Full PDB file with SEQRES, HELIX, SHEET, SSBOND, CRYST1, ORIGX, SCALE, CONECT and MASTER records, all heavy atoms in Angstrom:
SEQRES   1 A   42  SER GLY ALA GLY ARG ALA PHE SER THR TYR ALA LEU GLY          
SEQRES   2 A   42  TRP PHE ARG GLN ALA PRO GLY LYS GLU ARG GLU PHE VAL          
SEQRES   3 A   42  ALA GLY VAL ALA LYS ALA PRO ASP SER ILE ARG TYR ALA          
SEQRES   4 A   42  ASP SER ALA                                                  
HELIX    1 AA1 GLY A    4  THR A    9  5                                   6    
SHEET    1 AA1 3 LEU A  12  ARG A  16  0                                        
SHEET    2 AA1 3 GLU A  24  VAL A  29 -1                                        
SHEET    3 AA1 3 ILE A  36  TYR A  38 -1                                        
CRYST1    1.000    1.000    1.000  90.00  90.00  90.00 P 1           1          
ORIGX1      1.000000  0.000000  0.000000        0.00000                         
ORIGX2      0.000000  1.000000  0.000000        0.00000                         
ORIGX3      0.000000  0.000000  1.000000        0.00000                         
SCALE1      1.000000  0.000000  0.000000        0.00000                         
SCALE2      0.000000  1.000000  0.000000        0.00000                         
SCALE3      0.000000  0.000000  1.000000        0.00000                         
ATOM      1  N   SER A   1      11.239  -0.514 -16.692  1.00  0.00           N  
ATOM      2  CA  SER A   1      11.679  -1.892 -16.815  1.00  0.00           C  
ATOM      3  C   SER A   1      12.586  -2.047 -18.024  1.00  0.00           C  
ATOM      4  O   SER A   1      12.478  -1.283 -18.991  1.00  0.00           O  
ATOM      5  CB  SER A   1      10.482  -2.850 -16.924  1.00  0.00           C  
ATOM      6  OG  SER A   1       9.718  -2.562 -18.083  1.00  0.00           O  
ATOM      7  N   GLY A   2      13.488  -3.022 -17.966  1.00  0.00           N  
ATOM      8  CA  GLY A   2      14.371  -3.279 -19.090  1.00  0.00           C  
ATOM      9  C   GLY A   2      15.625  -2.430 -19.164  1.00  0.00           C  
ATOM     10  O   GLY A   2      16.411  -2.588 -20.093  1.00  0.00           O  
ATOM     11  N   ALA A   3      15.818  -1.557 -18.201  1.00  0.00           N  
ATOM     12  CA  ALA A   3      16.976  -0.660 -18.222  1.00  0.00           C  
ATOM     13  C   ALA A   3      18.136  -1.167 -17.390  1.00  0.00           C  
ATOM     14  O   ALA A   3      19.298  -0.860 -17.676  1.00  0.00           O  
ATOM     15  CB  ALA A   3      16.568   0.730 -17.744  1.00  0.00           C  
ATOM     16  N   GLY A   4      17.838  -1.925 -16.354  1.00  0.00           N  
ATOM     17  CA  GLY A   4      18.887  -2.434 -15.490  1.00  0.00           C  
ATOM     18  C   GLY A   4      19.696  -1.311 -14.866  1.00  0.00           C  
ATOM     19  O   GLY A   4      19.161  -0.282 -14.480  1.00  0.00           O  
ATOM     20  N   ARG A   5      21.009  -1.510 -14.822  1.00  0.00           N  
ATOM     21  CA  ARG A   5      21.901  -0.516 -14.229  1.00  0.00           C  
ATOM     22  C   ARG A   5      21.992   0.768 -15.040  1.00  0.00           C  
ATOM     23  O   ARG A   5      22.447   1.783 -14.515  1.00  0.00           O  
ATOM     24  CB  ARG A   5      23.291  -1.118 -14.039  1.00  0.00           C  
ATOM     25  CG  ARG A   5      23.331  -2.356 -13.153  1.00  0.00           C  
ATOM     26  CD  ARG A   5      23.060  -2.007 -11.692  1.00  0.00           C  
ATOM     27  NE  ARG A   5      21.664  -1.686 -11.426  1.00  0.00           N  
ATOM     28  CZ  ARG A   5      20.694  -2.596 -11.273  1.00  0.00           C  
ATOM     29  NH1 ARG A   5      20.968  -3.888 -11.368  1.00  0.00           N  
ATOM     30  NH2 ARG A   5      19.451  -2.215 -11.025  1.00  0.00           N  
ATOM     31  N   ALA A   6      21.562   0.719 -16.289  1.00  0.00           N  
ATOM     32  CA  ALA A   6      21.612   1.903 -17.139  1.00  0.00           C  
ATOM     33  C   ALA A   6      20.636   2.985 -16.688  1.00  0.00           C  
ATOM     34  O   ALA A   6      20.756   4.140 -17.078  1.00  0.00           O  
ATOM     35  CB  ALA A   6      21.346   1.530 -18.596  1.00  0.00           C  
ATOM     36  N   PHE A   7      19.655   2.610 -15.877  1.00  0.00           N  
ATOM     37  CA  PHE A   7      18.662   3.555 -15.402  1.00  0.00           C  
ATOM     38  C   PHE A   7      19.307   4.784 -14.768  1.00  0.00           C  
ATOM     39  O   PHE A   7      18.838   5.906 -14.952  1.00  0.00           O  
ATOM     40  CB  PHE A   7      17.733   2.891 -14.389  1.00  0.00           C  
ATOM     41  CG  PHE A   7      16.716   3.816 -13.793  1.00  0.00           C  
ATOM     42  CD1 PHE A   7      15.530   4.082 -14.461  1.00  0.00           C  
ATOM     43  CD2 PHE A   7      16.949   4.433 -12.567  1.00  0.00           C  
ATOM     44  CE1 PHE A   7      14.586   4.937 -13.927  1.00  0.00           C  
ATOM     45  CE2 PHE A   7      16.015   5.298 -12.017  1.00  0.00           C  
ATOM     46  CZ  PHE A   7      14.828   5.547 -12.698  1.00  0.00           C  
ATOM     47  N   SER A   8      20.375   4.572 -14.017  1.00  0.00           N  
ATOM     48  CA  SER A   8      21.034   5.671 -13.323  1.00  0.00           C  
ATOM     49  C   SER A   8      21.697   6.665 -14.263  1.00  0.00           C  
ATOM     50  O   SER A   8      22.076   7.756 -13.835  1.00  0.00           O  
ATOM     51  CB  SER A   8      22.077   5.142 -12.325  1.00  0.00           C  
ATOM     52  OG  SER A   8      23.117   4.453 -12.986  1.00  0.00           O  
ATOM     53  N   THR A   9      21.835   6.310 -15.543  1.00  0.00           N  
ATOM     54  CA  THR A   9      22.433   7.203 -16.524  1.00  0.00           C  
ATOM     55  C   THR A   9      21.377   7.996 -17.299  1.00  0.00           C  
ATOM     56  O   THR A   9      21.720   8.844 -18.108  1.00  0.00           O  
ATOM     57  CB  THR A   9      23.316   6.452 -17.531  1.00  0.00           C  
ATOM     58  OG1 THR A   9      22.500   5.668 -18.410  1.00  0.00           O  
ATOM     59  CG2 THR A   9      24.289   5.529 -16.812  1.00  0.00           C  
ATOM     60  N   TYR A  10      20.109   7.722 -17.057  1.00  0.00           N  
ATOM     61  CA  TYR A  10      19.023   8.408 -17.753  1.00  0.00           C  
ATOM     62  C   TYR A  10      18.646   9.699 -17.062  1.00  0.00           C  
ATOM     63  O   TYR A  10      18.656   9.793 -15.836  1.00  0.00           O  
ATOM     64  CB  TYR A  10      17.767   7.541 -17.786  1.00  0.00           C  
ATOM     65  CG  TYR A  10      17.839   6.253 -18.559  1.00  0.00           C  
ATOM     66  CD1 TYR A  10      16.760   5.373 -18.514  1.00  0.00           C  
ATOM     67  CD2 TYR A  10      18.942   5.906 -19.311  1.00  0.00           C  
ATOM     68  CE1 TYR A  10      16.790   4.181 -19.217  1.00  0.00           C  
ATOM     69  CE2 TYR A  10      18.988   4.703 -20.011  1.00  0.00           C  
ATOM     70  CZ  TYR A  10      17.901   3.855 -19.954  1.00  0.00           C  
ATOM     71  OH  TYR A  10      17.924   2.660 -20.642  1.00  0.00           O  
ATOM     72  N   ALA A  11      18.256  10.672 -17.866  1.00  0.00           N  
ATOM     73  CA  ALA A  11      17.566  11.831 -17.333  1.00  0.00           C  
ATOM     74  C   ALA A  11      16.087  11.461 -17.441  1.00  0.00           C  
ATOM     75  O   ALA A  11      15.699  10.702 -18.334  1.00  0.00           O  
ATOM     76  CB  ALA A  11      17.860  13.096 -18.149  1.00  0.00           C  
ATOM     77  N   LEU A  12      15.277  11.986 -16.553  1.00  0.00           N  
ATOM     78  CA  LEU A  12      13.869  11.620 -16.510  1.00  0.00           C  
ATOM     79  C   LEU A  12      12.987  12.855 -16.451  1.00  0.00           C  
ATOM     80  O   LEU A  12      13.408  13.902 -15.947  1.00  0.00           O  
ATOM     81  CB  LEU A  12      13.592  10.746 -15.287  1.00  0.00           C  
ATOM     82  CG  LEU A  12      14.458   9.500 -15.122  1.00  0.00           C  
ATOM     83  CD1 LEU A  12      14.304   8.949 -13.707  1.00  0.00           C  
ATOM     84  CD2 LEU A  12      14.057   8.442 -16.149  1.00  0.00           C  
ATOM     85  N   GLY A  13      11.767  12.723 -16.930  1.00  0.00           N  
ATOM     86  CA  GLY A  13      10.873  13.865 -16.896  1.00  0.00           C  
ATOM     87  C   GLY A  13       9.411  13.488 -16.813  1.00  0.00           C  
ATOM     88  O   GLY A  13       9.019  12.368 -17.129  1.00  0.00           O  
ATOM     89  N   TRP A  14       8.619  14.462 -16.373  1.00  0.00           N  
ATOM     90  CA  TRP A  14       7.171  14.341 -16.340  1.00  0.00           C  
ATOM     91  C   TRP A  14       6.573  15.388 -17.267  1.00  0.00           C  
ATOM     92  O   TRP A  14       6.982  16.555 -17.246  1.00  0.00           O  
ATOM     93  CB  TRP A  14       6.619  14.572 -14.931  1.00  0.00           C  
ATOM     94  CG  TRP A  14       6.858  13.451 -13.975  1.00  0.00           C  
ATOM     95  CD1 TRP A  14       7.824  13.370 -13.034  1.00  0.00           C  
ATOM     96  CD2 TRP A  14       6.072  12.256 -13.852  1.00  0.00           C  
ATOM     97  NE1 TRP A  14       7.711  12.198 -12.330  1.00  0.00           N  
ATOM     98  CE2 TRP A  14       6.635  11.497 -12.815  1.00  0.00           C  
ATOM     99  CE3 TRP A  14       4.958  11.758 -14.526  1.00  0.00           C  
ATOM    100  CZ2 TRP A  14       6.121  10.255 -12.426  1.00  0.00           C  
ATOM    101  CZ3 TRP A  14       4.445  10.522 -14.146  1.00  0.00           C  
ATOM    102  CH2 TRP A  14       5.023   9.791 -13.116  1.00  0.00           C  
ATOM    103  N   PHE A  15       5.620  14.971 -18.066  1.00  0.00           N  
ATOM    104  CA  PHE A  15       4.882  15.856 -18.964  1.00  0.00           C  
ATOM    105  C   PHE A  15       3.406  15.640 -18.745  1.00  0.00           C  
ATOM    106  O   PHE A  15       2.998  14.604 -18.208  1.00  0.00           O  
ATOM    107  CB  PHE A  15       5.225  15.576 -20.429  1.00  0.00           C  
ATOM    108  CG  PHE A  15       6.620  15.965 -20.837  1.00  0.00           C  
ATOM    109  CD1 PHE A  15       7.710  15.185 -20.495  1.00  0.00           C  
ATOM    110  CD2 PHE A  15       6.840  17.125 -21.576  1.00  0.00           C  
ATOM    111  CE1 PHE A  15       8.993  15.541 -20.868  1.00  0.00           C  
ATOM    112  CE2 PHE A  15       8.117  17.488 -21.962  1.00  0.00           C  
ATOM    113  CZ  PHE A  15       9.203  16.696 -21.600  1.00  0.00           C  
ATOM    114  N   ARG A  16       2.590  16.581 -19.183  1.00  0.00           N  
ATOM    115  CA  ARG A  16       1.150  16.396 -19.094  1.00  0.00           C  
ATOM    116  C   ARG A  16       0.480  16.993 -20.322  1.00  0.00           C  
ATOM    117  O   ARG A  16       0.990  17.920 -20.938  1.00  0.00           O  
ATOM    118  CB  ARG A  16       0.576  17.032 -17.823  1.00  0.00           C  
ATOM    119  CG  ARG A  16       0.681  18.538 -17.766  1.00  0.00           C  
ATOM    120  CD  ARG A  16       0.281  19.045 -16.398  1.00  0.00           C  
ATOM    121  NE  ARG A  16       0.477  20.484 -16.271  1.00  0.00           N  
ATOM    122  CZ  ARG A  16       0.552  21.131 -15.113  1.00  0.00           C  
ATOM    123  NH1 ARG A  16       0.434  20.460 -13.974  1.00  0.00           N  
ATOM    124  NH2 ARG A  16       0.734  22.447 -15.101  1.00  0.00           N  
ATOM    125  N   GLN A  17      -0.663  16.452 -20.659  1.00  0.00           N  
ATOM    126  CA  GLN A  17      -1.414  16.943 -21.792  1.00  0.00           C  
ATOM    127  C   GLN A  17      -2.892  16.990 -21.441  1.00  0.00           C  
ATOM    128  O   GLN A  17      -3.510  15.973 -21.131  1.00  0.00           O  
ATOM    129  CB  GLN A  17      -1.189  16.058 -23.019  1.00  0.00           C  
ATOM    130  CG  GLN A  17      -1.833  16.605 -24.284  1.00  0.00           C  
ATOM    131  CD  GLN A  17      -1.334  15.903 -25.533  1.00  0.00           C  
ATOM    132  OE1 GLN A  17      -0.897  14.759 -25.474  1.00  0.00           O  
ATOM    133  NE2 GLN A  17      -1.396  16.588 -26.653  1.00  0.00           N  
ATOM    134  N   ALA A  18      -3.431  18.185 -21.481  1.00  0.00           N  
ATOM    135  CA  ALA A  18      -4.847  18.394 -21.212  1.00  0.00           C  
ATOM    136  C   ALA A  18      -5.606  18.387 -22.528  1.00  0.00           C  
ATOM    137  O   ALA A  18      -5.031  18.626 -23.591  1.00  0.00           O  
ATOM    138  CB  ALA A  18      -5.055  19.711 -20.486  1.00  0.00           C  
ATOM    139  N   PRO A  19      -6.911  18.132 -22.491  1.00  0.00           N  
ATOM    140  CA  PRO A  19      -7.720  18.122 -23.714  1.00  0.00           C  
ATOM    141  C   PRO A  19      -7.596  19.439 -24.473  1.00  0.00           C  
ATOM    142  O   PRO A  19      -7.744  20.512 -23.900  1.00  0.00           O  
ATOM    143  CB  PRO A  19      -9.135  17.918 -23.181  1.00  0.00           C  
ATOM    144  CG  PRO A  19      -8.946  17.157 -21.923  1.00  0.00           C  
ATOM    145  CD  PRO A  19      -7.718  17.773 -21.311  1.00  0.00           C  
ATOM    146  N   GLY A  20      -7.294  19.350 -25.760  1.00  0.00           N  
ATOM    147  CA  GLY A  20      -7.181  20.532 -26.583  1.00  0.00           C  
ATOM    148  C   GLY A  20      -5.887  21.310 -26.423  1.00  0.00           C  
ATOM    149  O   GLY A  20      -5.711  22.350 -27.058  1.00  0.00           O  
ATOM    150  N   LYS A  21      -4.992  20.822 -25.602  1.00  0.00           N  
ATOM    151  CA  LYS A  21      -3.727  21.502 -25.354  1.00  0.00           C  
ATOM    152  C   LYS A  21      -2.540  20.650 -25.797  1.00  0.00           C  
ATOM    153  O   LYS A  21      -2.662  19.440 -25.975  1.00  0.00           O  
ATOM    154  CB  LYS A  21      -3.572  21.825 -23.866  1.00  0.00           C  
ATOM    155  CG  LYS A  21      -4.665  22.712 -23.284  1.00  0.00           C  
ATOM    156  CD  LYS A  21      -4.627  24.093 -23.898  1.00  0.00           C  
ATOM    157  CE  LYS A  21      -5.645  25.006 -23.243  1.00  0.00           C  
ATOM    158  NZ  LYS A  21      -5.335  25.241 -21.797  1.00  0.00           N  
ATOM    159  N   GLU A  22      -1.400  21.297 -25.968  1.00  0.00           N  
ATOM    160  CA  GLU A  22      -0.186  20.594 -26.323  1.00  0.00           C  
ATOM    161  C   GLU A  22       0.430  19.971 -25.077  1.00  0.00           C  
ATOM    162  O   GLU A  22       0.187  20.418 -23.960  1.00  0.00           O  
ATOM    163  CB  GLU A  22       0.819  21.540 -26.973  1.00  0.00           C  
ATOM    164  CG  GLU A  22       0.380  22.093 -28.311  1.00  0.00           C  
ATOM    165  CD  GLU A  22       1.460  22.921 -28.993  1.00  0.00           C  
ATOM    166  OE1 GLU A  22       2.464  23.249 -28.339  1.00  0.00           O  
ATOM    167  OE2 GLU A  22       1.281  23.239 -30.172  1.00  0.00           O  
ATOM    168  N   ARG A  23       1.225  18.954 -25.288  1.00  0.00           N  
ATOM    169  CA  ARG A  23       1.911  18.319 -24.174  1.00  0.00           C  
ATOM    170  C   ARG A  23       2.943  19.299 -23.628  1.00  0.00           C  
ATOM    171  O   ARG A  23       3.691  19.917 -24.379  1.00  0.00           O  
ATOM    172  CB  ARG A  23       2.587  17.039 -24.645  1.00  0.00           C  
ATOM    173  CG  ARG A  23       3.154  16.186 -23.512  1.00  0.00           C  
ATOM    174  CD  ARG A  23       3.634  14.833 -24.040  1.00  0.00           C  
ATOM    175  NE  ARG A  23       2.546  14.085 -24.676  1.00  0.00           N  
ATOM    176  CZ  ARG A  23       2.695  12.864 -25.170  1.00  0.00           C  
ATOM    177  NH1 ARG A  23       3.870  12.248 -25.106  1.00  0.00           N  
ATOM    178  NH2 ARG A  23       1.659  12.269 -25.739  1.00  0.00           N  
ATOM    179  N   GLU A  24       2.988  19.443 -22.313  1.00  0.00           N  
ATOM    180  CA  GLU A  24       3.892  20.399 -21.703  1.00  0.00           C  
ATOM    181  C   GLU A  24       4.754  19.776 -20.611  1.00  0.00           C  
ATOM    182  O   GLU A  24       4.360  18.823 -19.942  1.00  0.00           O  
ATOM    183  CB  GLU A  24       3.117  21.579 -21.106  1.00  0.00           C  
ATOM    184  CG  GLU A  24       2.207  21.201 -19.949  1.00  0.00           C  
ATOM    185  CD  GLU A  24       1.512  22.397 -19.327  1.00  0.00           C  
ATOM    186  OE1 GLU A  24       1.859  23.550 -19.673  1.00  0.00           O  
ATOM    187  OE2 GLU A  24       0.618  22.191 -18.484  1.00  0.00           O  
ATOM    188  N   PHE A  25       5.921  20.346 -20.454  1.00  0.00           N  
ATOM    189  CA  PHE A  25       6.868  19.910 -19.447  1.00  0.00           C  
ATOM    190  C   PHE A  25       6.374  20.294 -18.061  1.00  0.00           C  
ATOM    191  O   PHE A  25       5.912  21.411 -17.844  1.00  0.00           O  
ATOM    192  CB  PHE A  25       8.230  20.561 -19.721  1.00  0.00           C  
ATOM    193  CG  PHE A  25       9.264  20.337 -18.661  1.00  0.00           C  
ATOM    194  CD1 PHE A  25      10.003  19.161 -18.646  1.00  0.00           C  
ATOM    195  CD2 PHE A  25       9.516  21.293 -17.698  1.00  0.00           C  
ATOM    196  CE1 PHE A  25      10.980  18.946 -17.679  1.00  0.00           C  
ATOM    197  CE2 PHE A  25      10.487  21.100 -16.729  1.00  0.00           C  
ATOM    198  CZ  PHE A  25      11.216  19.913 -16.728  1.00  0.00           C  
ATOM    199  N   VAL A  26       6.489  19.366 -17.129  1.00  0.00           N  
ATOM    200  CA  VAL A  26       6.076  19.618 -15.752  1.00  0.00           C  
ATOM    201  C   VAL A  26       7.287  19.650 -14.820  1.00  0.00           C  
ATOM    202  O   VAL A  26       7.456  20.589 -14.031  1.00  0.00           O  
ATOM    203  CB  VAL A  26       5.089  18.549 -15.243  1.00  0.00           C  
ATOM    204  CG1 VAL A  26       4.731  18.796 -13.778  1.00  0.00           C  
ATOM    205  CG2 VAL A  26       3.837  18.544 -16.112  1.00  0.00           C  
ATOM    206  N   ALA A  27       8.116  18.633 -14.895  1.00  0.00           N  
ATOM    207  CA  ALA A  27       9.308  18.552 -14.046  1.00  0.00           C  
ATOM    208  C   ALA A  27      10.275  17.548 -14.625  1.00  0.00           C  
ATOM    209  O   ALA A  27       9.890  16.624 -15.330  1.00  0.00           O  
ATOM    210  CB  ALA A  27       8.927  18.134 -12.624  1.00  0.00           C  
ATOM    211  N   GLY A  28      11.562  17.729 -14.328  1.00  0.00           N  
ATOM    212  CA  GLY A  28      12.565  16.813 -14.832  1.00  0.00           C  
ATOM    213  C   GLY A  28      13.745  16.710 -13.889  1.00  0.00           C  
ATOM    214  O   GLY A  28      13.975  17.589 -13.069  1.00  0.00           O  
ATOM    215  N   VAL A  29      14.491  15.624 -14.010  1.00  0.00           N  
ATOM    216  CA  VAL A  29      15.672  15.404 -13.189  1.00  0.00           C  
ATOM    217  C   VAL A  29      16.804  14.891 -14.062  1.00  0.00           C  
ATOM    218  O   VAL A  29      16.593  14.087 -14.975  1.00  0.00           O  
ATOM    219  CB  VAL A  29      15.372  14.421 -12.028  1.00  0.00           C  
ATOM    220  CG1 VAL A  29      14.902  13.068 -12.560  1.00  0.00           C  
ATOM    221  CG2 VAL A  29      16.601  14.241 -11.144  1.00  0.00           C  
ATOM    222  N   ALA A  30      18.009  15.377 -13.793  1.00  0.00           N  
ATOM    223  CA  ALA A  30      19.192  14.954 -14.517  1.00  0.00           C  
ATOM    224  C   ALA A  30      19.721  13.641 -13.944  1.00  0.00           C  
ATOM    225  O   ALA A  30      19.123  13.072 -13.041  1.00  0.00           O  
ATOM    226  CB  ALA A  30      20.268  16.035 -14.425  1.00  0.00           C  
ATOM    227  N   LYS A  31      20.863  13.189 -14.461  1.00  0.00           N  
ATOM    228  CA  LYS A  31      21.503  12.010 -13.880  1.00  0.00           C  
ATOM    229  C   LYS A  31      21.756  12.258 -12.392  1.00  0.00           C  
ATOM    230  O   LYS A  31      21.513  11.381 -11.560  1.00  0.00           O  
ATOM    231  CB  LYS A  31      22.836  11.735 -14.577  1.00  0.00           C  
ATOM    232  CG  LYS A  31      22.720  11.246 -15.998  1.00  0.00           C  
ATOM    233  CD  LYS A  31      24.116  11.000 -16.556  1.00  0.00           C  
ATOM    234  CE  LYS A  31      24.076  10.539 -18.004  1.00  0.00           C  
ATOM    235  NZ  LYS A  31      25.452  10.332 -18.537  1.00  0.00           N  
ATOM    236  N   ALA A  32      22.267  13.438 -12.080  1.00  0.00           N  
ATOM    237  CA  ALA A  32      22.470  13.822 -10.690  1.00  0.00           C  
ATOM    238  C   ALA A  32      21.099  14.029 -10.062  1.00  0.00           C  
ATOM    239  O   ALA A  32      20.331  14.889 -10.519  1.00  0.00           O  
ATOM    240  CB  ALA A  32      23.293  15.101 -10.601  1.00  0.00           C  
ATOM    241  N   PRO A  33      20.758  13.261  -9.068  1.00  0.00           N  
ATOM    242  CA  PRO A  33      19.409  13.320  -8.491  1.00  0.00           C  
ATOM    243  C   PRO A  33      19.027  14.632  -7.835  1.00  0.00           C  
ATOM    244  O   PRO A  33      17.842  14.855  -7.581  1.00  0.00           O  
ATOM    245  CB  PRO A  33      19.406  12.170  -7.478  1.00  0.00           C  
ATOM    246  CG  PRO A  33      20.851  12.002  -7.126  1.00  0.00           C  
ATOM    247  CD  PRO A  33      21.595  12.243  -8.410  1.00  0.00           C  
ATOM    248  N   ASP A  34      19.993  15.495  -7.571  1.00  0.00           N  
ATOM    249  CA  ASP A  34      19.676  16.786  -6.973  1.00  0.00           C  
ATOM    250  C   ASP A  34      19.540  17.886  -8.021  1.00  0.00           C  
ATOM    251  O   ASP A  34      19.277  19.036  -7.674  1.00  0.00           O  
ATOM    252  CB  ASP A  34      20.734  17.187  -5.934  1.00  0.00           C  
ATOM    253  CG  ASP A  34      22.098  17.444  -6.555  1.00  0.00           C  
ATOM    254  OD1 ASP A  34      22.372  16.893  -7.639  1.00  0.00           O  
ATOM    255  OD2 ASP A  34      22.887  18.181  -5.937  1.00  0.00           O  
ATOM    256  N   SER A  35      19.708  17.546  -9.284  1.00  0.00           N  
ATOM    257  CA  SER A  35      19.553  18.511 -10.367  1.00  0.00           C  
ATOM    258  C   SER A  35      18.138  18.370 -10.919  1.00  0.00           C  
ATOM    259  O   SER A  35      17.872  17.520 -11.774  1.00  0.00           O  
ATOM    260  CB  SER A  35      20.596  18.261 -11.462  1.00  0.00           C  
ATOM    261  OG  SER A  35      20.509  19.248 -12.470  1.00  0.00           O  
ATOM    262  N   ILE A  36      17.242  19.206 -10.417  1.00  0.00           N  
ATOM    263  CA  ILE A  36      15.818  19.105 -10.732  1.00  0.00           C  
ATOM    264  C   ILE A  36      15.285  20.445 -11.219  1.00  0.00           C  
ATOM    265  O   ILE A  36      15.686  21.500 -10.724  1.00  0.00           O  
ATOM    266  CB  ILE A  36      15.023  18.648  -9.491  1.00  0.00           C  
ATOM    267  CG1 ILE A  36      15.525  17.280  -9.023  1.00  0.00           C  
ATOM    268  CG2 ILE A  36      13.530  18.590  -9.797  1.00  0.00           C  
ATOM    269  CD1 ILE A  36      14.956  16.847  -7.692  1.00  0.00           C  
ATOM    270  N   ARG A  37      14.382  20.393 -12.172  1.00  0.00           N  
ATOM    271  CA  ARG A  37      13.776  21.596 -12.703  1.00  0.00           C  
ATOM    272  C   ARG A  37      12.266  21.426 -12.775  1.00  0.00           C  
ATOM    273  O   ARG A  37      11.768  20.357 -13.103  1.00  0.00           O  
ATOM    274  CB  ARG A  37      14.330  21.896 -14.087  1.00  0.00           C  
ATOM    275  CG  ARG A  37      13.822  23.191 -14.712  1.00  0.00           C  
ATOM    276  CD  ARG A  37      14.558  23.476 -15.996  1.00  0.00           C  
ATOM    277  NE  ARG A  37      14.148  24.732 -16.602  1.00  0.00           N  
ATOM    278  CZ  ARG A  37      14.715  25.270 -17.676  1.00  0.00           C  
ATOM    279  NH1 ARG A  37      15.737  24.655 -18.259  1.00  0.00           N  
ATOM    280  NH2 ARG A  37      14.266  26.423 -18.157  1.00  0.00           N  
ATOM    281  N   TYR A  38      11.542  22.493 -12.473  1.00  0.00           N  
ATOM    282  CA  TYR A  38      10.094  22.473 -12.501  1.00  0.00           C  
ATOM    283  C   TYR A  38       9.535  23.555 -13.408  1.00  0.00           C  
ATOM    284  O   TYR A  38      10.135  24.611 -13.570  1.00  0.00           O  
ATOM    285  CB  TYR A  38       9.515  22.712 -11.106  1.00  0.00           C  
ATOM    286  CG  TYR A  38       9.912  21.696 -10.068  1.00  0.00           C  
ATOM    287  CD1 TYR A  38      10.999  21.922  -9.232  1.00  0.00           C  
ATOM    288  CD2 TYR A  38       9.195  20.517  -9.917  1.00  0.00           C  
ATOM    289  CE1 TYR A  38      11.362  21.004  -8.280  1.00  0.00           C  
ATOM    290  CE2 TYR A  38       9.559  19.585  -8.972  1.00  0.00           C  
ATOM    291  CZ  TYR A  38      10.639  19.829  -8.146  1.00  0.00           C  
ATOM    292  OH  TYR A  38      10.995  18.903  -7.195  1.00  0.00           O  
ATOM    293  N   ALA A  39       8.383  23.291 -13.969  1.00  0.00           N  
ATOM    294  CA  ALA A  39       7.673  24.324 -14.701  1.00  0.00           C  
ATOM    295  C   ALA A  39       7.284  25.386 -13.681  1.00  0.00           C  
ATOM    296  O   ALA A  39       7.115  25.079 -12.491  1.00  0.00           O  
ATOM    297  CB  ALA A  39       6.426  23.743 -15.368  1.00  0.00           C  
ATOM    298  N   ASP A  40       7.115  26.618 -14.132  1.00  0.00           N  
ATOM    299  CA  ASP A  40       6.770  27.701 -13.208  1.00  0.00           C  
ATOM    300  C   ASP A  40       5.527  27.386 -12.380  1.00  0.00           C  
ATOM    301  O   ASP A  40       5.480  27.670 -11.178  1.00  0.00           O  
ATOM    302  CB  ASP A  40       6.556  29.004 -13.979  1.00  0.00           C  
ATOM    303  CG  ASP A  40       7.839  29.582 -14.527  1.00  0.00           C  
ATOM    304  OD1 ASP A  40       8.926  29.171 -14.092  1.00  0.00           O  
ATOM    305  OD2 ASP A  40       7.758  30.473 -15.403  1.00  0.00           O  
ATOM    306  N   SER A  41       4.532  26.814 -13.005  1.00  0.00           N  
ATOM    307  CA  SER A  41       3.289  26.522 -12.307  1.00  0.00           C  
ATOM    308  C   SER A  41       3.436  25.436 -11.244  1.00  0.00           C  
ATOM    309  O   SER A  41       2.626  25.361 -10.322  1.00  0.00           O  
ATOM    310  CB  SER A  41       2.215  26.104 -13.302  1.00  0.00           C  
ATOM    311  OG  SER A  41       2.555  24.892 -13.962  1.00  0.00           O  
ATOM    312  N   ALA A  42       4.477  24.622 -11.368  1.00  0.00           N  
ATOM    313  CA  ALA A  42       4.675  23.516 -10.430  1.00  0.00           C  
ATOM    314  C   ALA A  42       5.598  23.875  -9.274  1.00  0.00           C  
ATOM    315  O   ALA A  42       5.554  23.230  -8.215  1.00  0.00           O  
ATOM    316  CB  ALA A  42       5.244  22.305 -11.171  1.00  0.00           C  
TER     317      ALA A  42                                                      
MASTER        0    0    0    1    3    0    0    6  316    1    0    4          
END                                                                             
């Protein structure tokens, strides 16, 4: 919320943090919606 049309210019990502562990990258997407990257486990 609060981004309006600027949302389409953002890159976005998902992270997760388990108890006792550091926050880790899970998946992300660039401005281009077909440019996607996943962690090996995902």
